[in-house]
Amino acid sequence: MDHLFTVDSLSELRDVMPGSARSAFVLGHTRPGDGGGGMFHWNASSRTPDDNGLVVAPPEKQTGRWTRVDSGPLDIRWFGANPTEDATKAIQGALSAAHRGGEVSIPAGTFGISQPLRIPQGVHLSGTGLLSVLNYSGPANTGCLRVDGVPRSISLAISRLNILVQTEGAYGVDLSGMSYSRFDHITVHLRQPNTSGFFGPGNTQSPYYNVFTGCHVAGTADYKTNGCVGFDFTYDRGEQMQSANANQVYGGHLSTCQIAVRCLGVGNVFHGQVIESGDIGYQFDLCPARKTMAQRGIVNDVVGCYTEHV
């Protein structure tokens, strides 16, 4: 008969060697009731590295692991995320564990992020809506969310999140290298000037064939001078020839941004945005180097948009 025992945390489980009991119920990741607990079973032949969430290895033991029993999305609390401290390492641990095809779930709560979160190819990162908050205070010139690996990753999905950008010059989502991906019902609050909700550069990391549905961006302070951009599809700074192309943006509310949409690419589709309190609604142009080329037309599609105080 397989007996079951109970421990308070993953740390306590790590110090337990199985005897007659080869199943354990853990009451929490760090402490009972923190949402990171669950059922674990002893796998005597496993050599999988300890990831502090799905796999727990006893100290100095090469073979044998406690493995979490669950088939649903990976909850970031399983890896130690909680709203009272920096959750970057824990959430990144969950994303890495979901490598190529898994789903990572962010529950309601405000989670501090001090470095960009890198999303592996094929992973779906999802929240519960406005109550699933990523509070980004990391470095500038990158985003709270970005791909894991370059030059590009495909088939990502990000949905139902609320991102707060607290660093001047940073972005909610850095689209560098993101292609063939979906972004659904993401809200980005730009709490500092000269920030962007969704930023897509050019060159070999130019984003293309992405679909955005119901994504919202709100700028800060005076929309005539704040330097905030909702969707910022800019160009590469080297050859100045490439930019985001063939992206589709449907719906969404862009408010108090100095520029709601800046697009220096071609073949992008913007349908049904509500743009409110902005200095510029849509700004279209060519990459500088393309202005001297024979084929230099701008072809982007804007249909059914509503503007107020723009």
C-alpha atoms as a PDB file:
ATOM      1  CA  MET A   1       0.000   0.000   0.000  1.00  0.00           C
ATOM      2  CA  ASP A   2       1.261   3.473  -0.911  1.00  0.00           C
ATOM      3  CA  HIS A   3       1.075   5.673   2.164  1.00  0.00           C
ATOM      4  CA  LEU A   4       0.685   9.458   2.077  1.00  0.00           C
ATOM      5  CA  PHE A   5       2.324  12.014   4.320  1.00  0.00           C
ATOM      6  CA  THR A   6       2.046  15.788   4.597  1.00  0.00           C
ATOM      7  CA  VAL A   7       4.728  18.485   4.760  1.00  0.00           C
ATOM      8  CA  ASP A   8       4.519  22.267   4.992  1.00  0.00           C
ATOM      9  CA  SER A   9       6.740  23.309   2.071  1.00  0.00           C
ATOM     10  CA  LEU A  10       8.909  22.199  -0.841  1.00  0.00           C
ATOM     11  CA  SER A  11      11.958  22.871   1.289  1.00  0.00           C
ATOM     12  CA  GLU A  12      10.708  20.388   3.857  1.00  0.00           C
ATOM     13  CA  LEU A  13       9.864  17.869   1.135  1.00  0.00           C
ATOM     14  CA  ARG A  14      13.393  18.180  -0.228  1.00  0.00           C
ATOM     15  CA  ASP A  15      14.747  16.785   3.041  1.00  0.00           C
ATOM     16  CA  VAL A  16      12.442  13.765   3.046  1.00  0.00           C
ATOM     17  CA  MET A  17      13.519  10.378   1.729  1.00  0.00           C
ATOM     18  CA  PRO A  18      10.673   7.999   0.893  1.00  0.00           C
ATOM     19  CA  GLY A  19      10.061   5.009   3.080  1.00  0.00           C
ATOM     20  CA  SER A  20       6.748   3.236   3.051  1.00  0.00           C
ATOM     21  CA  ALA A  21       5.176   6.534   1.950  1.00  0.00           C
ATOM     22  CA  ARG A  22       5.928   7.396  -1.660  1.00  0.00           C
ATOM     23  CA  SER A  23       3.336  10.155  -2.034  1.00  0.00           C
ATOM     24  CA  ALA A  24       3.320  13.505  -0.281  1.00  0.00           C
ATOM     25  CA  PHE A  25       0.884  16.363  -0.004  1.00  0.00           C
ATOM     26  CA  VAL A  26       2.666  19.716   0.297  1.00  0.00           C
ATOM     27  CA  LEU A  27       0.708  22.512   1.969  1.00  0.00           C
ATOM     28  CA  GLY A  28       2.545  25.362   0.211  1.00  0.00           C
ATOM     29  CA  HIS A  29       5.634  26.284  -1.748  1.00  0.00           C
ATOM     30  CA  THR A  30       7.252  28.332   1.009  1.00  0.00           C
ATOM     31  CA  ARG A  31       4.583  28.251   3.698  1.00  0.00           C
ATOM     32  CA  PRO A  32       1.203  26.559   4.103  1.00  0.00           C
ATOM     33  CA  GLY A  33      -1.596  28.173   2.142  1.00  0.00           C
ATOM     34  CA  ASP A  34       0.523  30.251  -0.262  1.00  0.00           C
ATOM     35  CA  GLY A  35      -0.992  28.546  -3.319  1.00  0.00           C
ATOM     36  CA  GLY A  36       2.157  26.667  -4.260  1.00  0.00           C
ATOM     37  CA  GLY A  37       1.385  23.325  -2.685  1.00  0.00           C
ATOM     38  CA  GLY A  38       0.049  20.138  -4.193  1.00  0.00           C
ATOM     39  CA  MET A  39       0.514  16.402  -4.536  1.00  0.00           C
ATOM     40  CA  PHE A  40       3.948  14.887  -5.224  1.00  0.00           C
ATOM     41  CA  HIS A  41       4.948  11.318  -5.993  1.00  0.00           C
ATOM     42  CA  TRP A  42       8.374   9.707  -5.631  1.00  0.00           C
ATOM     43  CA  ASN A  43      10.002   8.656  -8.910  1.00  0.00           C
ATOM     44  CA  ALA A  44      12.936   6.463  -7.966  1.00  0.00           C
ATOM     45  CA  SER A  45      14.550   6.450 -11.419  1.00  0.00           C
ATOM     46  CA  SER A  46      14.258  10.148 -12.261  1.00  0.00           C
ATOM     47  CA  ARG A  47      17.353  12.295 -12.713  1.00  0.00           C
ATOM     48  CA  THR A  48      15.457  15.416 -13.821  1.00  0.00           C
ATOM     49  CA  PRO A  49      17.010  18.599 -12.410  1.00  0.00           C
ATOM     50  CA  ASP A  50      15.276  20.245  -9.476  1.00  0.00           C
ATOM     51  CA  ASP A  51      13.243  23.197 -10.831  1.00  0.00           C
ATOM     52  CA  ASN A  52      11.742  24.253  -7.481  1.00  0.00           C
ATOM     53  CA  GLY A  53       8.221  23.756  -8.746  1.00  0.00           C
ATOM     54  CA  LEU A  54       7.525  20.536 -10.614  1.00  0.00           C
ATOM     55  CA  VAL A  55      10.558  18.525  -9.556  1.00  0.00           C
ATOM     56  CA  VAL A  56      12.161  18.391  -6.112  1.00  0.00           C
ATOM     57  CA  ALA A  57      15.467  16.595  -5.587  1.00  0.00           C
ATOM     58  CA  PRO A  58      16.773  15.504  -2.181  1.00  0.00           C
ATOM     59  CA  PRO A  59      20.212  16.974  -1.425  1.00  0.00           C
ATOM     60  CA  GLU A  60      23.205  15.156  -2.911  1.00  0.00           C
ATOM     61  CA  LYS A  61      21.064  12.432  -4.440  1.00  0.00           C
ATOM     62  CA  GLN A  62      21.743  11.728  -8.115  1.00  0.00           C
ATOM     63  CA  THR A  63      18.736   9.490  -8.724  1.00  0.00           C
ATOM     64  CA  GLY A  64      15.210   9.789  -7.373  1.00  0.00           C
ATOM     65  CA  ARG A  65      12.932  12.824  -7.457  1.00  0.00           C
ATOM     66  CA  TRP A  66       9.686  14.071  -5.977  1.00  0.00           C
ATOM     67  CA  THR A  67       7.530  15.028  -8.983  1.00  0.00           C
ATOM     68  CA  ARG A  68       4.367  17.104  -8.896  1.00  0.00           C
ATOM     69  CA  VAL A  69       1.157  15.317  -9.866  1.00  0.00           C
ATOM     70  CA  ASP A  70      -0.811  17.729 -12.053  1.00  0.00           C
ATOM     71  CA  SER A  71      -1.795  18.020 -15.713  1.00  0.00           C
ATOM     72  CA  GLY A  72      -3.125  21.584 -15.901  1.00  0.00           C
ATOM     73  CA  PRO A  73      -1.441  24.939 -16.606  1.00  0.00           C
ATOM     74  CA  LEU A  74       1.608  25.709 -14.506  1.00  0.00           C
ATOM     75  CA  ASP A  75       0.683  28.076 -11.691  1.00  0.00           C
ATOM     76  CA  ILE A  76       3.462  30.584 -10.961  1.00  0.00           C
ATOM     77  CA  ARG A  77       2.822  30.061  -7.234  1.00  0.00           C
ATOM     78  CA  TRP A  78       4.101  26.496  -7.624  1.00  0.00           C
ATOM     79  CA  PHE A  79       7.507  28.069  -8.276  1.00  0.00           C
ATOM     80  CA  GLY A  80       7.339  30.468  -5.341  1.00  0.00           C
ATOM     81  CA  ALA A  81       5.746  33.588  -6.829  1.00  0.00           C
ATOM     82  CA  ASN A  82       3.829  35.733  -4.380  1.00  0.00           C
ATOM     83  CA  PRO A  83       2.733  39.383  -4.346  1.00  0.00           C
ATOM     84  CA  THR A  84       4.896  40.327  -1.358  1.00  0.00           C
ATOM     85  CA  GLU A  85       8.309  40.066  -3.064  1.00  0.00           C
ATOM     86  CA  ASP A  86      10.053  40.141  -6.434  1.00  0.00           C
ATOM     87  CA  ALA A  87       8.449  37.366  -8.485  1.00  0.00           C
ATOM     88  CA  THR A  88      10.796  37.514 -11.488  1.00  0.00           C
ATOM     89  CA  LYS A  89      12.775  34.361 -10.719  1.00  0.00           C
ATOM     90  CA  ALA A  90       9.698  32.332  -9.836  1.00  0.00           C
ATOM     91  CA  ILE A  91       7.741  33.301 -12.956  1.00  0.00           C
ATOM     92  CA  GLN A  92      10.770  32.721 -15.155  1.00  0.00           C
ATOM     93  CA  GLY A  93      11.096  29.293 -13.573  1.00  0.00           C
ATOM     94  CA  ALA A  94       7.518  28.486 -14.542  1.00  0.00           C
ATOM     95  CA  LEU A  95       8.059  29.736 -18.101  1.00  0.00           C
ATOM     96  CA  SER A  96      11.208  27.664 -18.471  1.00  0.00           C
ATOM     97  CA  ALA A  97       9.436  24.576 -17.124  1.00  0.00           C
ATOM     98  CA  ALA A  98       6.691  25.049 -19.725  1.00  0.00           C
ATOM     99  CA  HIS A  99       9.270  25.081 -22.517  1.00  0.00           C
ATOM    100  CA  ARG A 100       7.762  24.457 -25.974  1.00  0.00           C
ATOM    101  CA  GLY A 101       4.055  24.109 -25.657  1.00  0.00           C
ATOM    102  CA  GLY A 102       2.949  24.478 -22.051  1.00  0.00           C
ATOM    103  CA  GLU A 103       0.728  27.077 -20.420  1.00  0.00           C
ATOM    104  CA  VAL A 104       1.709  29.267 -17.480  1.00  0.00           C
ATOM    105  CA  SER A 105      -1.044  30.772 -15.351  1.00  0.00           C
ATOM    106  CA  ILE A 106      -0.791  34.023 -13.392  1.00  0.00           C
ATOM    107  CA  PRO A 107      -3.479  34.316 -10.699  1.00  0.00           C
ATOM    108  CA  ALA A 108      -4.979  37.530  -9.375  1.00  0.00           C
ATOM    109  CA  GLY A 109      -2.413  39.651  -7.565  1.00  0.00           C
ATOM    110  CA  THR A 110       0.300  42.224  -8.232  1.00  0.00           C
ATOM    111  CA  PHE A 111       3.654  40.600  -8.937  1.00  0.00           C
ATOM    112  CA  GLY A 112       6.852  42.647  -8.985  1.00  0.00           C
ATOM    113  CA  ILE A 113       9.081  42.148 -12.041  1.00  0.00           C
ATOM    114  CA  SER A 114      12.665  43.454 -11.954  1.00  0.00           C
ATOM    115  CA  GLN A 115      13.982  41.878 -15.179  1.00  0.00           C
ATOM    116  CA  PRO A 116      12.329  41.034 -18.511  1.00  0.00           C
ATOM    117  CA  LEU A 117      10.427  37.758 -18.500  1.00  0.00           C
ATOM    118  CA  ARG A 118      11.591  35.565 -21.399  1.00  0.00           C
ATOM    119  CA  ILE A 119       8.853  33.462 -22.973  1.00  0.00           C
ATOM    120  CA  PRO A 120       9.959  30.274 -24.765  1.00  0.00           C
ATOM    121  CA  GLN A 121       8.608  29.361 -28.161  1.00  0.00           C
ATOM    122  CA  GLY A 122       5.135  27.849 -28.131  1.00  0.00           C
ATOM    123  CA  VAL A 123       4.321  28.816 -24.541  1.00  0.00           C
ATOM    124  CA  HIS A 124       1.016  30.432 -23.528  1.00  0.00           C
ATOM    125  CA  LEU A 125       1.205  32.948 -20.673  1.00  0.00           C
ATOM    126  CA  SER A 126      -2.234  33.770 -19.309  1.00  0.00           C
ATOM    127  CA  GLY A 127      -3.816  35.652 -16.437  1.00  0.00           C
ATOM    128  CA  THR A 128      -7.291  36.328 -15.121  1.00  0.00           C
ATOM    129  CA  GLY A 129      -7.652  39.831 -16.578  1.00  0.00           C
ATOM    130  CA  LEU A 130      -7.021  43.205 -14.944  1.00  0.00           C
ATOM    131  CA  LEU A 131      -6.405  41.578 -11.566  1.00  0.00           C
ATOM    132  CA  SER A 132      -3.362  39.644 -12.847  1.00  0.00           C
ATOM    133  CA  VAL A 133      -0.804  42.445 -12.635  1.00  0.00           C
ATOM    134  CA  LEU A 134       2.859  42.419 -13.671  1.00  0.00           C
ATOM    135  CA  ASN A 135       4.494  45.487 -12.114  1.00  0.00           C
ATOM    136  CA  TYR A 136       7.627  46.055 -14.208  1.00  0.00           C
ATOM    137  CA  SER A 137      10.486  48.136 -12.774  1.00  0.00           C
ATOM    138  CA  GLY A 138      13.311  46.564 -14.780  1.00  0.00           C
ATOM    139  CA  PRO A 139      15.765  48.047 -17.281  1.00  0.00           C
ATOM    140  CA  ALA A 140      14.860  50.412 -20.111  1.00  0.00           C
ATOM    141  CA  ASN A 141      15.064  49.656 -23.847  1.00  0.00           C
ATOM    142  CA  THR A 142      13.386  46.302 -23.368  1.00  0.00           C
ATOM    143  CA  GLY A 143      10.022  45.039 -22.186  1.00  0.00           C
ATOM    144  CA  CYS A 144       8.393  43.336 -19.251  1.00  0.00           C
ATOM    145  CA  LEU A 145       7.690  40.444 -21.638  1.00  0.00           C
ATOM    146  CA  ARG A 146       9.970  39.317 -24.460  1.00  0.00           C
ATOM    147  CA  VAL A 147      11.003  36.155 -26.257  1.00  0.00           C
ATOM    148  CA  ASP A 148      13.461  33.638 -24.895  1.00  0.00           C
ATOM    149  CA  GLY A 149      16.116  33.365 -27.569  1.00  0.00           C
ATOM    150  CA  VAL A 150      16.937  35.189 -30.783  1.00  0.00           C
ATOM    151  CA  PRO A 151      16.578  35.931 -33.589  1.00  0.00           C
ATOM    152  CA  ARG A 152      12.935  34.921 -33.379  1.00  0.00           C
ATOM    153  CA  SER A 153      10.361  32.721 -31.697  1.00  0.00           C
ATOM    154  CA  ILE A 154       6.981  31.738 -33.074  1.00  0.00           C
ATOM    155  CA  SER A 155       3.613  30.541 -31.815  1.00  0.00           C
ATOM    156  CA  LEU A 156       3.628  32.375 -28.506  1.00  0.00           C
ATOM    157  CA  ALA A 157       0.388  33.389 -26.819  1.00  0.00           C
ATOM    158  CA  ILE A 158      -0.101  36.040 -24.138  1.00  0.00           C
ATOM    159  CA  SER A 159      -3.530  36.817 -22.756  1.00  0.00           C
ATOM    160  CA  ARG A 160      -5.563  38.493 -19.994  1.00  0.00           C
ATOM    161  CA  LEU A 161      -2.757  40.383 -18.263  1.00  0.00           C
ATOM    162  CA  ASN A 162      -2.356  43.875 -16.830  1.00  0.00           C
ATOM    163  CA  ILE A 163       1.183  45.257 -17.202  1.00  0.00           C
ATOM    164  CA  LEU A 164       2.402  48.347 -15.346  1.00  0.00           C
ATOM    165  CA  VAL A 165       5.519  49.947 -16.854  1.00  0.00           C
ATOM    166  CA  GLN A 166       7.375  51.863 -14.139  1.00  0.00           C
ATOM    167  CA  THR A 167      10.676  52.526 -15.992  1.00  0.00           C
ATOM    168  CA  GLU A 168      11.145  55.406 -18.402  1.00  0.00           C
ATOM    169  CA  GLY A 169      12.157  54.143 -21.833  1.00  0.00           C
ATOM    170  CA  ALA A 170      10.785  50.628 -21.281  1.00  0.00           C
ATOM    171  CA  TYR A 171       7.950  48.718 -22.988  1.00  0.00           C
ATOM    172  CA  GLY A 172       5.092  46.537 -21.861  1.00  0.00           C
ATOM    173  CA  VAL A 173       5.791  43.901 -24.509  1.00  0.00           C
ATOM    174  CA  ASP A 174       9.018  43.834 -26.516  1.00  0.00           C
ATOM    175  CA  LEU A 175       7.997  42.265 -29.824  1.00  0.00           C
ATOM    176  CA  SER A 176      11.577  41.649 -30.971  1.00  0.00           C
ATOM    177  CA  GLY A 177      11.603  38.255 -32.629  1.00  0.00           C
ATOM    178  CA  MET A 178       7.918  37.517 -31.963  1.00  0.00           C
ATOM    179  CA  SER A 179       6.091  36.202 -35.022  1.00  0.00           C
ATOM    180  CA  TYR A 180       3.027  34.058 -35.743  1.00  0.00           C
ATOM    181  CA  SER A 181       1.852  34.795 -32.200  1.00  0.00           C
ATOM    182  CA  ARG A 182      -1.331  35.950 -30.433  1.00  0.00           C
ATOM    183  CA  PHE A 183      -1.890  38.734 -27.928  1.00  0.00           C
ATOM    184  CA  ASP A 184      -5.365  38.837 -26.413  1.00  0.00           C
ATOM    185  CA  HIS A 185      -6.906  41.265 -23.911  1.00  0.00           C
ATOM    186  CA  ILE A 186      -3.659  42.680 -22.580  1.00  0.00           C
ATOM    187  CA  THR A 187      -3.753  46.042 -20.822  1.00  0.00           C
ATOM    188  CA  VAL A 188      -0.571  48.106 -20.503  1.00  0.00           C
ATOM    189  CA  HIS A 189      -0.423  51.100 -18.178  1.00  0.00           C
ATOM    190  CA  LEU A 190       2.522  53.363 -18.988  1.00  0.00           C
ATOM    191  CA  ARG A 191       3.394  54.977 -15.661  1.00  0.00           C
ATOM    192  CA  GLN A 192       6.474  56.816 -16.980  1.00  0.00           C
ATOM    193  CA  PRO A 193       7.090  59.070 -20.015  1.00  0.00           C
ATOM    194  CA  ASN A 194       8.783  57.876 -23.214  1.00  0.00           C
ATOM    195  CA  THR A 195       7.430  54.365 -22.900  1.00  0.00           C
ATOM    196  CA  SER A 196       5.568  52.070 -25.294  1.00  0.00           C
ATOM    197  CA  GLY A 197       2.849  49.498 -24.826  1.00  0.00           C
ATOM    198  CA  PHE A 198       3.887  47.186 -27.669  1.00  0.00           C
ATOM    199  CA  PHE A 199       7.273  47.843 -29.258  1.00  0.00           C
ATOM    200  CA  GLY A 200       8.401  46.173 -32.482  1.00  0.00           C
ATOM    201  CA  PRO A 201      11.782  46.972 -34.042  1.00  0.00           C
ATOM    202  CA  GLY A 202      13.050  45.946 -37.446  1.00  0.00           C
ATOM    203  CA  ASN A 203      16.057  43.985 -38.804  1.00  0.00           C
ATOM    204  CA  THR A 204      16.238  40.217 -38.299  1.00  0.00           C
ATOM    205  CA  GLN A 205      14.019  40.535 -35.229  1.00  0.00           C
ATOM    206  CA  SER A 206      11.202  42.327 -37.031  1.00  0.00           C
ATOM    207  CA  PRO A 207       7.839  41.014 -35.766  1.00  0.00           C
ATOM    208  CA  TYR A 208       5.368  39.848 -38.370  1.00  0.00           C
ATOM    209  CA  TYR A 209       2.117  37.871 -38.742  1.00  0.00           C
ATOM    210  CA  ASN A 210       1.077  38.556 -35.154  1.00  0.00           C
ATOM    211  CA  VAL A 211      -2.555  39.073 -34.113  1.00  0.00           C
ATOM    212  CA  PHE A 212      -3.581  41.498 -31.353  1.00  0.00           C
ATOM    213  CA  THR A 213      -7.167  41.386 -30.077  1.00  0.00           C
ATOM    214  CA  GLY A 214      -8.652  43.779 -27.539  1.00  0.00           C
ATOM    215  CA  CYS A 215      -5.314  45.124 -26.311  1.00  0.00           C
ATOM    216  CA  HIS A 216      -5.361  48.432 -24.431  1.00  0.00           C
ATOM    217  CA  VAL A 217      -2.659  50.998 -23.653  1.00  0.00           C
ATOM    218  CA  ALA A 218      -2.944  54.008 -21.339  1.00  0.00           C
ATOM    219  CA  GLY A 219      -0.250  56.682 -21.173  1.00  0.00           C
ATOM    220  CA  THR A 220       0.665  59.024 -18.371  1.00  0.00           C
ATOM    221  CA  ALA A 221       0.273  62.723 -17.541  1.00  0.00           C
ATOM    222  CA  ASP A 222       0.099  65.222 -20.424  1.00  0.00           C
ATOM    223  CA  TYR A 223      -0.623  63.285 -23.599  1.00  0.00           C
ATOM    224  CA  LYS A 224       0.776  66.092 -25.755  1.00  0.00           C
ATOM    225  CA  THR A 225       4.282  65.758 -24.326  1.00  0.00           C
ATOM    226  CA  ASN A 226       4.573  62.400 -22.518  1.00  0.00           C
ATOM    227  CA  GLY A 227       6.320  60.558 -25.360  1.00  0.00           C
ATOM    228  CA  CYS A 228       4.127  57.498 -24.813  1.00  0.00           C
ATOM    229  CA  VAL A 229       3.266  55.297 -27.802  1.00  0.00           C
ATOM    230  CA  GLY A 230       0.584  52.616 -27.798  1.00  0.00           C
ATOM    231  CA  PHE A 231       1.720  50.434 -30.706  1.00  0.00           C
ATOM    232  CA  ASP A 232       5.234  51.368 -31.797  1.00  0.00           C
ATOM    233  CA  PHE A 233       6.291  49.553 -34.967  1.00  0.00           C
ATOM    234  CA  THR A 234       9.599  51.244 -35.646  1.00  0.00           C
ATOM    235  CA  TYR A 235      12.597  50.374 -37.858  1.00  0.00           C
ATOM    236  CA  ASP A 236      16.071  48.944 -37.414  1.00  0.00           C
ATOM    237  CA  ARG A 237      18.778  51.451 -36.547  1.00  0.00           C
ATOM    238  CA  GLY A 238      21.394  49.918 -38.816  1.00  0.00           C
ATOM    239  CA  GLU A 239      20.348  49.716 -42.450  1.00  0.00           C
ATOM    240  CA  GLN A 240      17.101  51.562 -41.653  1.00  0.00           C
ATOM    241  CA  MET A 241      15.190  49.394 -44.118  1.00  0.00           C
ATOM    242  CA  GLN A 242      13.182  46.868 -42.101  1.00  0.00           C
ATOM    243  CA  SER A 243      10.187  47.234 -39.825  1.00  0.00           C
ATOM    244  CA  ALA A 244       7.250  45.268 -38.477  1.00  0.00           C
ATOM    245  CA  ASN A 245       4.957  43.999 -41.206  1.00  0.00           C
ATOM    246  CA  ALA A 246       1.758  42.006 -41.727  1.00  0.00           C
ATOM    247  CA  ASN A 247       0.602  42.365 -38.118  1.00  0.00           C
ATOM    248  CA  GLN A 248      -3.122  42.559 -37.356  1.00  0.00           C
ATOM    249  CA  VAL A 249      -4.472  44.748 -34.555  1.00  0.00           C
ATOM    250  CA  TYR A 250      -8.185  44.410 -33.792  1.00  0.00           C
ATOM    251  CA  GLY A 251     -10.050  46.564 -31.290  1.00  0.00           C
ATOM    252  CA  GLY A 252      -8.574  47.961 -28.124  1.00  0.00           C
ATOM    253  CA  HIS A 253      -8.544  51.336 -26.391  1.00  0.00           C
ATOM    254  CA  LEU A 254      -5.512  53.622 -26.709  1.00  0.00           C
ATOM    255  CA  SER A 255      -5.702  56.596 -24.370  1.00  0.00           C
ATOM    256  CA  THR A 256      -3.470  59.460 -23.188  1.00  0.00           C
ATOM    257  CA  CYS A 257      -0.624  58.408 -25.488  1.00  0.00           C
ATOM    258  CA  GLN A 258       1.156  61.140 -27.402  1.00  0.00           C
ATOM    259  CA  ILE A 259       1.093  58.781 -30.396  1.00  0.00           C
ATOM    260  CA  ALA A 260      -1.509  56.027 -30.363  1.00  0.00           C
ATOM    261  CA  VAL A 261      -0.008  54.075 -33.287  1.00  0.00           C
ATOM    262  CA  ARG A 262       3.370  54.684 -34.919  1.00  0.00           C
ATOM    263  CA  CYS A 263       3.942  52.370 -37.851  1.00  0.00           C
ATOM    264  CA  LEU A 264       6.970  52.527 -40.125  1.00  0.00           C
ATOM    265  CA  GLY A 265       6.243  49.166 -41.716  1.00  0.00           C
ATOM    266  CA  VAL A 266       3.952  47.874 -44.450  1.00  0.00           C
ATOM    267  CA  GLY A 267       1.067  45.435 -44.659  1.00  0.00           C
ATOM    268  CA  ASN A 268      -0.153  46.015 -41.110  1.00  0.00           C
ATOM    269  CA  VAL A 269      -3.876  46.043 -40.327  1.00  0.00           C
ATOM    270  CA  PHE A 270      -5.558  48.275 -37.723  1.00  0.00           C
ATOM    271  CA  HIS A 271      -9.292  47.703 -37.276  1.00  0.00           C
ATOM    272  CA  GLY A 272     -11.690  49.113 -34.717  1.00  0.00           C
ATOM    273  CA  GLN A 273      -9.418  50.935 -32.283  1.00  0.00           C
ATOM    274  CA  VAL A 274     -10.811  53.566 -29.932  1.00  0.00           C
ATOM    275  CA  ILE A 275      -8.262  56.376 -29.617  1.00  0.00           C
ATOM    276  CA  GLU A 276      -8.880  58.926 -26.907  1.00  0.00           C
ATOM    277  CA  SER A 277      -6.911  61.933 -25.660  1.00  0.00           C
ATOM    278  CA  GLY A 278      -3.842  61.713 -27.863  1.00  0.00           C
ATOM    279  CA  ASP A 279      -1.737  64.146 -29.852  1.00  0.00           C
ATOM    280  CA  ILE A 280      -1.447  61.861 -32.901  1.00  0.00           C
ATOM    281  CA  GLY A 281      -3.776  58.995 -33.741  1.00  0.00           C
ATOM    282  CA  TYR A 282      -1.934  57.144 -36.508  1.00  0.00           C
ATOM    283  CA  GLN A 283       1.530  58.038 -37.737  1.00  0.00           C
ATOM    284  CA  PHE A 284       2.637  56.195 -40.872  1.00  0.00           C
ATOM    285  CA  ASP A 285       5.944  56.592 -42.635  1.00  0.00           C
ATOM    286  CA  LEU A 286       8.693  54.654 -44.366  1.00  0.00           C
ATOM    287  CA  CYS A 287      11.976  53.528 -42.929  1.00  0.00           C
ATOM    288  CA  PRO A 288      14.534  56.222 -43.873  1.00  0.00           C
ATOM    289  CA  ALA A 289      16.497  54.073 -46.330  1.00  0.00           C
ATOM    290  CA  ARG A 290      13.344  53.023 -48.186  1.00  0.00           C
ATOM    291  CA  LYS A 291      12.473  56.582 -49.110  1.00  0.00           C
ATOM    292  CA  THR A 292      15.057  56.476 -51.890  1.00  0.00           C
ATOM    293  CA  MET A 293      13.968  53.100 -53.279  1.00  0.00           C
ATOM    294  CA  ALA A 294      11.818  52.655 -56.367  1.00  0.00           C
ATOM    295  CA  GLN A 295       9.254  50.613 -54.424  1.00  0.00           C
ATOM    296  CA  ARG A 296       8.591  52.941 -51.551  1.00  0.00           C
ATOM    297  CA  GLY A 297       4.839  52.906 -51.081  1.00  0.00           C
ATOM    298  CA  ILE A 298       3.199  52.700 -47.676  1.00  0.00           C
ATOM    299  CA  VAL A 299       0.471  50.070 -47.562  1.00  0.00           C
ATOM    300  CA  ASN A 300      -1.279  49.725 -44.214  1.00  0.00           C
ATOM    301  CA  ASP A 301      -4.981  49.259 -43.544  1.00  0.00           C
ATOM    302  CA  VAL A 302      -7.014  51.355 -41.077  1.00  0.00           C
ATOM    303  CA  VAL A 303     -10.751  50.656 -40.854  1.00  0.00           C
ATOM    304  CA  GLY A 304     -13.562  51.512 -38.459  1.00  0.00           C
ATOM    305  CA  CYS A 305     -11.661  53.462 -35.830  1.00  0.00           C
ATOM    306  CA  TYR A 306     -13.081  56.020 -33.388  1.00  0.00           C
ATOM    307  CA  THR A 307     -11.152  59.028 -32.107  1.00  0.00           C
ATOM    308  CA  GLU A 308     -11.913  61.621 -29.453  1.00  0.00           C
ATOM    309  CA  HIS A 309      -9.741  64.550 -28.320  1.00  0.00           C
ATOM    310  CA  VAL A 310      -7.037  63.658 -30.846  1.00  0.00           C
END
